[in-house]
Amino acid sequence: MCQDLTFSSSNCLYIFKQNKMNRLTILIFIIIIDFTVIGQVSEIKHVDVSEFKKLITSINGSLIDVRTQQEFANGHIKNAGQLNYYAIDFNKKLLMLQKNKPVYLYCNTGYRSKKAANTLVKNGYTQVYNLEKGIMNWNIENYEIVVEKDAKPFLIDKIESDEYHAFLNNNKNVLIDFYAPWCAPCQKIMPTVDSLKISHKNNMQILKINVDASKKLVRELKIIGVPYFAFYKSGKLIKAHQGSLNENELELLVNTIYN
């Protein structure tokens, strides 16, 4: 248009500035929309166990247990599907879920399901719910679970309630290590626990308890996460610690409490 000889240079400059302003306005508008969409997509709704129960029973969606098949078979929420978080094709199968329906995720403690939820929202899912503290908290509330007929129970380091309390009563200083086979921090600290069992054999007893194998006891003690360490003296709980500990931190606690 500015090539037309009837237009002055000032008119051309005005038109150029107007076009530049329009392009800038459009660019800013697009950026605002992008940030709005990103904000919507990136939101995971972490809900407690009572809210999770209400949601899955009132709003139709995909209820997915992201634990292993053995964990699933030994107790899962009714009507849940199962996808193994550790499987090579996990993400591929996870992203086959419908985007236009809510997705409800859970595992044992909420860690694996949170990771799965992150994968979903990064791929455009906007209705993603994660059960905080996982099915361990669901079990504490005594909500219904389904055990498969062909389930193979966890047997390693299984402790019943009466055995647990008898062990505490029969030993003065006791360290209880609640762990799970799928828990990476639990496995990492296990060699230190085994080492302490030898180095402190004269003044302390250590009992390792598999939470997957000892669900009744875990429910009784209201343990909702692992690793979980409980320090007892003469049957009385002195200190409890939930969460990861490194070798030095655990040894410091043992030496402080029992020496």
C-alpha atoms as a PDB file:
ATOM      1  CA  MET A   1       0.000   0.000   0.000  1.00  0.00           C
ATOM      2  CA  CYS A   2       2.849   2.381   0.794  1.00  0.00           C
ATOM      3  CA  GLN A   3       4.027   1.969  -2.771  1.00  0.00           C
ATOM      4  CA  ASP A   4       1.045   4.051  -3.946  1.00  0.00           C
ATOM      5  CA  LEU A   5       2.370   7.508  -4.869  1.00  0.00           C
ATOM      6  CA  THR A   6      -0.757   9.181  -3.467  1.00  0.00           C
ATOM      7  CA  PHE A   7       0.336   8.236   0.087  1.00  0.00           C
ATOM      8  CA  SER A   8       2.748  10.455   1.924  1.00  0.00           C
ATOM      9  CA  SER A   9       5.715   9.100   3.883  1.00  0.00           C
ATOM     10  CA  SER A  10       3.977  10.072   7.136  1.00  0.00           C
ATOM     11  CA  ASN A  11       0.944   7.991   6.205  1.00  0.00           C
ATOM     12  CA  CYS A  12       3.191   5.013   5.455  1.00  0.00           C
ATOM     13  CA  LEU A  13       4.932   5.393   8.804  1.00  0.00           C
ATOM     14  CA  TYR A  14       1.575   5.542  10.607  1.00  0.00           C
ATOM     15  CA  ILE A  15       0.322   2.391   8.897  1.00  0.00           C
ATOM     16  CA  PHE A  16       3.596   0.587   9.671  1.00  0.00           C
ATOM     17  CA  LYS A  17       3.355   1.515  13.357  1.00  0.00           C
ATOM     18  CA  GLN A  18      -0.282   0.436  13.519  1.00  0.00           C
ATOM     19  CA  ASN A  19       0.524  -2.938  11.976  1.00  0.00           C
ATOM     20  CA  LYS A  20       3.437  -3.387  14.356  1.00  0.00           C
ATOM     21  CA  MET A  21       1.207  -2.586  17.340  1.00  0.00           C
ATOM     22  CA  ASN A  22      -1.432  -5.035  16.105  1.00  0.00           C
ATOM     23  CA  ARG A  23       1.156  -7.800  15.743  1.00  0.00           C
ATOM     24  CA  LEU A  24       2.478  -7.061  19.227  1.00  0.00           C
ATOM     25  CA  THR A  25      -1.041  -7.133  20.689  1.00  0.00           C
ATOM     26  CA  ILE A  26      -1.758 -10.480  19.025  1.00  0.00           C
ATOM     27  CA  LEU A  27       1.536 -11.915  20.280  1.00  0.00           C
ATOM     28  CA  ILE A  28       0.819 -10.838  23.859  1.00  0.00           C
ATOM     29  CA  PHE A  29      -2.695 -12.308  23.610  1.00  0.00           C
ATOM     30  CA  ILE A  30      -1.299 -15.660  22.413  1.00  0.00           C
ATOM     31  CA  ILE A  31       1.248 -15.743  25.244  1.00  0.00           C
ATOM     32  CA  ILE A  32      -1.486 -15.069  27.822  1.00  0.00           C
ATOM     33  CA  ILE A  33      -3.606 -17.903  26.405  1.00  0.00           C
ATOM     34  CA  ASP A  34      -0.618 -20.285  26.436  1.00  0.00           C
ATOM     35  CA  PHE A  35       0.143 -19.550  30.084  1.00  0.00           C
ATOM     36  CA  THR A  36      -3.513 -19.990  30.994  1.00  0.00           C
ATOM     37  CA  VAL A  37      -3.669 -23.383  29.293  1.00  0.00           C
ATOM     38  CA  ILE A  38      -0.396 -24.491  30.870  1.00  0.00           C
ATOM     39  CA  GLY A  39      -1.698 -23.509  34.276  1.00  0.00           C
ATOM     40  CA  GLN A  40      -4.834 -25.564  33.741  1.00  0.00           C
ATOM     41  CA  VAL A  41      -3.002 -28.619  32.406  1.00  0.00           C
ATOM     42  CA  SER A  42      -0.307 -28.712  35.072  1.00  0.00           C
ATOM     43  CA  GLU A  43      -2.679 -28.919  38.029  1.00  0.00           C
ATOM     44  CA  ILE A  44      -2.886 -32.241  39.875  1.00  0.00           C
ATOM     45  CA  LYS A  45      -5.605 -32.519  42.482  1.00  0.00           C
ATOM     46  CA  HIS A  46      -4.140 -34.248  45.539  1.00  0.00           C
ATOM     47  CA  VAL A  47      -7.051 -35.361  47.720  1.00  0.00           C
ATOM     48  CA  ASP A  48      -7.344 -37.104  51.070  1.00  0.00           C
ATOM     49  CA  VAL A  49      -8.831 -40.542  51.472  1.00  0.00           C
ATOM     50  CA  SER A  50     -12.406 -39.460  52.303  1.00  0.00           C
ATOM     51  CA  GLU A  51     -12.584 -37.075  49.336  1.00  0.00           C
ATOM     52  CA  PHE A  52     -11.072 -39.705  47.047  1.00  0.00           C
ATOM     53  CA  LYS A  53     -13.746 -42.201  48.106  1.00  0.00           C
ATOM     54  CA  LYS A  54     -16.499 -39.670  47.385  1.00  0.00           C
ATOM     55  CA  LEU A  55     -15.095 -38.866  43.960  1.00  0.00           C
ATOM     56  CA  ILE A  56     -14.725 -42.423  42.699  1.00  0.00           C
ATOM     57  CA  THR A  57     -18.240 -43.330  43.816  1.00  0.00           C
ATOM     58  CA  SER A  58     -19.990 -40.217  42.502  1.00  0.00           C
ATOM     59  CA  ILE A  59     -18.180 -39.127  39.315  1.00  0.00           C
ATOM     60  CA  ASN A  60     -17.512 -41.727  36.628  1.00  0.00           C
ATOM     61  CA  GLY A  61     -13.880 -41.935  35.566  1.00  0.00           C
ATOM     62  CA  SER A  62     -10.833 -44.194  35.278  1.00  0.00           C
ATOM     63  CA  LEU A  63      -9.687 -45.615  38.634  1.00  0.00           C
ATOM     64  CA  ILE A  64      -6.120 -46.895  38.271  1.00  0.00           C
ATOM     65  CA  ASP A  65      -3.905 -48.751  40.740  1.00  0.00           C
ATOM     66  CA  VAL A  66      -0.273 -48.206  39.666  1.00  0.00           C
ATOM     67  CA  ARG A  67       1.265 -50.888  41.901  1.00  0.00           C
ATOM     68  CA  THR A  68       2.595 -54.282  40.879  1.00  0.00           C
ATOM     69  CA  GLN A  69       0.277 -57.180  40.069  1.00  0.00           C
ATOM     70  CA  GLN A  70       1.129 -58.936  43.353  1.00  0.00           C
ATOM     71  CA  GLU A  71       0.411 -55.807  45.386  1.00  0.00           C
ATOM     72  CA  PHE A  72      -2.842 -55.327  43.470  1.00  0.00           C
ATOM     73  CA  ALA A  73      -3.946 -58.941  43.958  1.00  0.00           C
ATOM     74  CA  ASN A  74      -3.355 -58.749  47.711  1.00  0.00           C
ATOM     75  CA  GLY A  75      -5.768 -55.867  48.156  1.00  0.00           C
ATOM     76  CA  HIS A  76      -7.084 -53.159  45.854  1.00  0.00           C
ATOM     77  CA  ILE A  77      -9.956 -50.687  45.658  1.00  0.00           C
ATOM     78  CA  LYS A  78     -13.093 -52.132  44.074  1.00  0.00           C
ATOM     79  CA  ASN A  79     -13.446 -51.549  40.308  1.00  0.00           C
ATOM     80  CA  ALA A  80      -9.848 -50.377  39.962  1.00  0.00           C
ATOM     81  CA  GLY A  81      -7.744 -51.169  36.917  1.00  0.00           C
ATOM     82  CA  GLN A  82      -4.056 -52.015  37.321  1.00  0.00           C
ATOM     83  CA  LEU A  83      -0.980 -50.639  35.553  1.00  0.00           C
ATOM     84  CA  ASN A  84       2.459 -51.491  36.916  1.00  0.00           C
ATOM     85  CA  TYR A  85       4.414 -48.256  37.384  1.00  0.00           C
ATOM     86  CA  TYR A  86       7.680 -50.155  36.978  1.00  0.00           C
ATOM     87  CA  ALA A  87       6.713 -51.796  33.667  1.00  0.00           C
ATOM     88  CA  ILE A  88       8.621 -50.695  30.560  1.00  0.00           C
ATOM     89  CA  ASP A  89       5.412 -49.865  28.677  1.00  0.00           C
ATOM     90  CA  PHE A  90       3.731 -48.129  31.637  1.00  0.00           C
ATOM     91  CA  ASN A  91       3.636 -44.629  30.109  1.00  0.00           C
ATOM     92  CA  LYS A  92       2.348 -45.946  26.789  1.00  0.00           C
ATOM     93  CA  LYS A  93      -0.564 -47.738  28.459  1.00  0.00           C
ATOM     94  CA  LEU A  94      -1.220 -44.851  30.864  1.00  0.00           C
ATOM     95  CA  LEU A  95      -1.639 -42.395  27.991  1.00  0.00           C
ATOM     96  CA  MET A  96      -4.291 -44.622  26.409  1.00  0.00           C
ATOM     97  CA  LEU A  97      -6.736 -43.489  29.123  1.00  0.00           C
ATOM     98  CA  GLN A  98      -9.557 -41.214  27.973  1.00  0.00           C
ATOM     99  CA  LYS A  99      -8.813 -37.514  28.325  1.00  0.00           C
ATOM    100  CA  ASN A 100     -12.441 -36.446  28.610  1.00  0.00           C
ATOM    101  CA  LYS A 101     -12.992 -38.335  31.870  1.00  0.00           C
ATOM    102  CA  PRO A 102     -11.459 -37.937  35.340  1.00  0.00           C
ATOM    103  CA  VAL A 103      -8.490 -40.166  36.143  1.00  0.00           C
ATOM    104  CA  TYR A 104      -8.144 -41.371  39.742  1.00  0.00           C
ATOM    105  CA  LEU A 105      -4.711 -42.718  40.685  1.00  0.00           C
ATOM    106  CA  TYR A 106      -3.385 -44.468  43.780  1.00  0.00           C
ATOM    107  CA  CYS A 107      -0.518 -46.650  44.993  1.00  0.00           C
ATOM    108  CA  ASN A 108       0.657 -47.614  48.492  1.00  0.00           C
ATOM    109  CA  THR A 109       1.780 -44.223  49.789  1.00  0.00           C
ATOM    110  CA  GLY A 110       1.016 -41.753  46.999  1.00  0.00           C
ATOM    111  CA  TYR A 111       4.546 -41.572  45.570  1.00  0.00           C
ATOM    112  CA  ARG A 112       4.180 -43.676  42.423  1.00  0.00           C
ATOM    113  CA  SER A 113       0.703 -42.341  41.690  1.00  0.00           C
ATOM    114  CA  LYS A 114       2.001 -38.767  41.962  1.00  0.00           C
ATOM    115  CA  LYS A 115       4.658 -39.543  39.351  1.00  0.00           C
ATOM    116  CA  ALA A 116       2.016 -41.067  37.098  1.00  0.00           C
ATOM    117  CA  ALA A 117      -0.205 -38.011  37.574  1.00  0.00           C
ATOM    118  CA  ASN A 118       2.657 -35.763  36.456  1.00  0.00           C
ATOM    119  CA  THR A 119       2.958 -37.780  33.248  1.00  0.00           C
ATOM    120  CA  LEU A 120      -0.746 -37.362  32.552  1.00  0.00           C
ATOM    121  CA  VAL A 121      -0.909 -33.598  33.049  1.00  0.00           C
ATOM    122  CA  LYS A 122       2.176 -33.102  30.892  1.00  0.00           C
ATOM    123  CA  ASN A 123       0.258 -34.830  28.125  1.00  0.00           C
ATOM    124  CA  GLY A 124      -2.889 -32.726  28.297  1.00  0.00           C
ATOM    125  CA  TYR A 125      -5.032 -34.468  30.919  1.00  0.00           C
ATOM    126  CA  THR A 126      -6.916 -31.872  32.990  1.00  0.00           C
ATOM    127  CA  GLN A 127      -8.909 -34.017  35.459  1.00  0.00           C
ATOM    128  CA  VAL A 128      -6.253 -35.937  37.384  1.00  0.00           C
ATOM    129  CA  TYR A 129      -6.741 -36.930  41.031  1.00  0.00           C
ATOM    130  CA  ASN A 130      -4.061 -38.478  43.242  1.00  0.00           C
ATOM    131  CA  LEU A 131      -4.834 -40.244  46.524  1.00  0.00           C
ATOM    132  CA  GLU A 132      -2.597 -38.702  49.170  1.00  0.00           C
ATOM    133  CA  LYS A 133      -0.892 -41.289  51.399  1.00  0.00           C
ATOM    134  CA  GLY A 134      -2.221 -44.062  49.189  1.00  0.00           C
ATOM    135  CA  ILE A 135      -4.041 -47.269  49.977  1.00  0.00           C
ATOM    136  CA  MET A 136      -2.198 -47.545  53.305  1.00  0.00           C
ATOM    137  CA  ASN A 137      -4.407 -44.701  54.522  1.00  0.00           C
ATOM    138  CA  TRP A 138      -7.438 -46.288  52.828  1.00  0.00           C
ATOM    139  CA  ASN A 139      -6.788 -49.437  54.882  1.00  0.00           C
ATOM    140  CA  ILE A 140      -6.482 -47.443  58.117  1.00  0.00           C
ATOM    141  CA  GLU A 141     -10.006 -46.125  57.511  1.00  0.00           C
ATOM    142  CA  ASN A 142     -11.198 -49.722  56.998  1.00  0.00           C
ATOM    143  CA  TYR A 143     -12.662 -48.915  53.590  1.00  0.00           C
ATOM    144  CA  GLU A 144     -13.561 -51.862  51.375  1.00  0.00           C
ATOM    145  CA  ILE A 145     -10.771 -53.638  49.507  1.00  0.00           C
ATOM    146  CA  VAL A 146     -10.853 -56.588  47.120  1.00  0.00           C
ATOM    147  CA  VAL A 147      -8.415 -59.504  47.436  1.00  0.00           C
ATOM    148  CA  GLU A 148      -8.026 -61.703  44.373  1.00  0.00           C
ATOM    149  CA  LYS A 149      -8.644 -65.438  44.728  1.00  0.00           C
ATOM    150  CA  ASP A 150      -5.239 -66.281  43.277  1.00  0.00           C
ATOM    151  CA  ALA A 151      -3.346 -63.744  45.397  1.00  0.00           C
ATOM    152  CA  LYS A 152       0.034 -64.877  46.690  1.00  0.00           C
ATOM    153  CA  PRO A 153       0.472 -63.306  50.140  1.00  0.00           C
ATOM    154  CA  PHE A 154       3.696 -61.566  51.112  1.00  0.00           C
ATOM    155  CA  LEU A 155       5.411 -63.744  53.729  1.00  0.00           C
ATOM    156  CA  ILE A 156       8.896 -62.295  54.258  1.00  0.00           C
ATOM    157  CA  ASP A 157       9.175 -60.380  57.553  1.00  0.00           C
ATOM    158  CA  LYS A 158       5.475 -60.816  58.270  1.00  0.00           C
ATOM    159  CA  ILE A 159       4.556 -59.971  61.875  1.00  0.00           C
ATOM    160  CA  GLU A 160       1.203 -60.314  63.594  1.00  0.00           C
ATOM    161  CA  SER A 161       0.045 -57.941  66.313  1.00  0.00           C
ATOM    162  CA  ASP A 162       0.562 -60.382  69.204  1.00  0.00           C
ATOM    163  CA  GLU A 163       4.107 -61.203  68.029  1.00  0.00           C
ATOM    164  CA  TYR A 164       4.904 -57.499  67.755  1.00  0.00           C
ATOM    165  CA  HIS A 165       3.815 -56.633  71.276  1.00  0.00           C
ATOM    166  CA  ALA A 166       5.468 -59.748  72.727  1.00  0.00           C
ATOM    167  CA  PHE A 167       8.758 -58.745  71.110  1.00  0.00           C
ATOM    168  CA  LEU A 168       8.523 -55.246  72.637  1.00  0.00           C
ATOM    169  CA  ASN A 169       7.730 -56.633  76.079  1.00  0.00           C
ATOM    170  CA  ASN A 170      10.560 -59.173  76.004  1.00  0.00           C
ATOM    171  CA  ASN A 171      13.317 -56.759  74.996  1.00  0.00           C
ATOM    172  CA  LYS A 172      14.472 -53.555  76.678  1.00  0.00           C
ATOM    173  CA  ASN A 173      15.795 -51.570  73.692  1.00  0.00           C
ATOM    174  CA  VAL A 174      14.107 -52.155  70.356  1.00  0.00           C
ATOM    175  CA  LEU A 175      14.384 -50.525  66.935  1.00  0.00           C
ATOM    176  CA  ILE A 176      11.582 -51.390  64.536  1.00  0.00           C
ATOM    177  CA  ASP A 177      12.239 -50.937  60.831  1.00  0.00           C
ATOM    178  CA  PHE A 178       8.976 -50.837  58.856  1.00  0.00           C
ATOM    179  CA  TYR A 179       9.791 -51.234  55.179  1.00  0.00           C
ATOM    180  CA  ALA A 180       8.329 -52.297  51.841  1.00  0.00           C
ATOM    181  CA  PRO A 181      10.020 -54.297  49.050  1.00  0.00           C
ATOM    182  CA  TRP A 182       9.060 -51.633  46.472  1.00  0.00           C
ATOM    183  CA  CYS A 183      10.411 -48.726  48.578  1.00  0.00           C
ATOM    184  CA  ALA A 184      13.780 -47.491  47.233  1.00  0.00           C
ATOM    185  CA  PRO A 185      14.762 -45.518  50.398  1.00  0.00           C
ATOM    186  CA  CYS A 186      13.914 -48.603  52.474  1.00  0.00           C
ATOM    187  CA  GLN A 187      16.217 -50.777  50.404  1.00  0.00           C
ATOM    188  CA  LYS A 188      18.974 -48.169  50.445  1.00  0.00           C
ATOM    189  CA  ILE A 189      19.110 -48.005  54.250  1.00  0.00           C
ATOM    190  CA  MET A 190      18.713 -51.792  54.716  1.00  0.00           C
ATOM    191  CA  PRO A 191      22.492 -52.586  54.802  1.00  0.00           C
ATOM    192  CA  THR A 192      22.926 -50.024  57.587  1.00  0.00           C
ATOM    193  CA  VAL A 193      20.077 -51.625  59.548  1.00  0.00           C
ATOM    194  CA  ASP A 194      21.704 -55.041  59.126  1.00  0.00           C
ATOM    195  CA  SER A 195      25.047 -53.606  60.229  1.00  0.00           C
ATOM    196  CA  LEU A 196      23.504 -52.034  63.337  1.00  0.00           C
ATOM    197  CA  LYS A 197      21.929 -55.362  64.164  1.00  0.00           C
ATOM    198  CA  ILE A 198      25.444 -56.788  64.581  1.00  0.00           C
ATOM    199  CA  SER A 199      27.274 -53.822  66.104  1.00  0.00           C
ATOM    200  CA  HIS A 200      24.563 -53.167  68.724  1.00  0.00           C
ATOM    201  CA  LYS A 201      23.560 -56.761  69.458  1.00  0.00           C
ATOM    202  CA  ASN A 202      24.492 -56.386  73.147  1.00  0.00           C
ATOM    203  CA  ASN A 203      22.318 -53.338  73.875  1.00  0.00           C
ATOM    204  CA  MET A 204      19.571 -53.284  71.233  1.00  0.00           C
ATOM    205  CA  GLN A 205      17.298 -55.600  69.259  1.00  0.00           C
ATOM    206  CA  ILE A 206      16.186 -54.789  65.703  1.00  0.00           C
ATOM    207  CA  LEU A 207      13.008 -56.091  64.104  1.00  0.00           C
ATOM    208  CA  LYS A 208      12.332 -55.609  60.395  1.00  0.00           C
ATOM    209  CA  ILE A 209       8.658 -55.603  59.389  1.00  0.00           C
ATOM    210  CA  ASN A 210       7.343 -55.825  55.840  1.00  0.00           C
ATOM    211  CA  VAL A 211       4.294 -53.540  55.705  1.00  0.00           C
ATOM    212  CA  ASP A 212       2.850 -55.398  52.706  1.00  0.00           C
ATOM    213  CA  ALA A 213       2.951 -58.666  54.646  1.00  0.00           C
ATOM    214  CA  SER A 214       1.763 -57.174  57.967  1.00  0.00           C
ATOM    215  CA  LYS A 215      -1.264 -55.133  56.949  1.00  0.00           C
ATOM    216  CA  LYS A 216      -3.297 -55.766  60.108  1.00  0.00           C
ATOM    217  CA  LEU A 217      -0.472 -54.543  62.317  1.00  0.00           C
ATOM    218  CA  VAL A 218       0.171 -51.524  60.069  1.00  0.00           C
ATOM    219  CA  ARG A 219      -3.517 -50.622  60.238  1.00  0.00           C
ATOM    220  CA  GLU A 220      -3.484 -50.982  64.023  1.00  0.00           C
ATOM    221  CA  LEU A 221      -0.439 -48.715  64.363  1.00  0.00           C
ATOM    222  CA  LYS A 222      -1.798 -46.250  61.760  1.00  0.00           C
ATOM    223  CA  ILE A 223       1.394 -46.238  59.725  1.00  0.00           C
ATOM    224  CA  ILE A 224       0.827 -44.426  56.425  1.00  0.00           C
ATOM    225  CA  GLY A 225       4.307 -44.279  54.931  1.00  0.00           C
ATOM    226  CA  VAL A 226       7.680 -45.991  54.734  1.00  0.00           C
ATOM    227  CA  PRO A 227      10.441 -46.106  55.684  1.00  0.00           C
ATOM    228  CA  TYR A 228       9.213 -45.795  59.248  1.00  0.00           C
ATOM    229  CA  PHE A 229      11.487 -46.263  62.255  1.00  0.00           C
ATOM    230  CA  ALA A 230      10.174 -46.725  65.793  1.00  0.00           C
ATOM    231  CA  PHE A 231      12.500 -46.594  68.818  1.00  0.00           C
ATOM    232  CA  TYR A 232      11.306 -48.323  72.010  1.00  0.00           C
ATOM    233  CA  LYS A 233      12.588 -48.576  75.567  1.00  0.00           C
ATOM    234  CA  SER A 234      10.979 -51.119  77.913  1.00  0.00           C
ATOM    235  CA  GLY A 235       7.931 -51.347  75.663  1.00  0.00           C
ATOM    236  CA  LYS A 236       7.461 -47.567  75.481  1.00  0.00           C
ATOM    237  CA  LEU A 237       7.760 -45.638  72.232  1.00  0.00           C
ATOM    238  CA  ILE A 238      10.551 -43.072  72.640  1.00  0.00           C
ATOM    239  CA  LYS A 239      10.774 -41.727  69.105  1.00  0.00           C
ATOM    240  CA  ALA A 240       9.323 -42.401  65.668  1.00  0.00           C
ATOM    241  CA  HIS A 241      10.633 -41.227  62.312  1.00  0.00           C
ATOM    242  CA  GLN A 242       8.832 -41.476  58.984  1.00  0.00           C
ATOM    243  CA  GLY A 243      10.834 -40.817  55.836  1.00  0.00           C
ATOM    244  CA  SER A 244      14.306 -41.364  54.455  1.00  0.00           C
ATOM    245  CA  LEU A 245      17.395 -41.482  56.644  1.00  0.00           C
ATOM    246  CA  ASN A 246      20.979 -41.833  55.533  1.00  0.00           C
ATOM    247  CA  GLU A 247      23.535 -44.034  57.283  1.00  0.00           C
ATOM    248  CA  ASN A 248      24.942 -41.269  59.518  1.00  0.00           C
ATOM    249  CA  GLU A 249      21.506 -39.993  60.546  1.00  0.00           C
ATOM    250  CA  LEU A 250      20.268 -43.435  61.565  1.00  0.00           C
ATOM    251  CA  GLU A 251      23.448 -44.256  63.483  1.00  0.00           C
ATOM    252  CA  LEU A 252      23.264 -40.903  65.299  1.00  0.00           C
ATOM    253  CA  LEU A 253      19.680 -41.601  66.385  1.00  0.00           C
ATOM    254  CA  VAL A 254      20.600 -45.086  67.631  1.00  0.00           C
ATOM    255  CA  ASN A 255      23.626 -43.821  69.571  1.00  0.00           C
ATOM    256  CA  THR A 256      21.681 -40.907  71.059  1.00  0.00           C
ATOM    257  CA  ILE A 257      18.734 -43.006  72.212  1.00  0.00           C
ATOM    258  CA  TYR A 258      20.417 -46.244  73.327  1.00  0.00           C
ATOM    259  CA  ASN A 259      23.889 -45.272  74.522  1.00  0.00           C
END
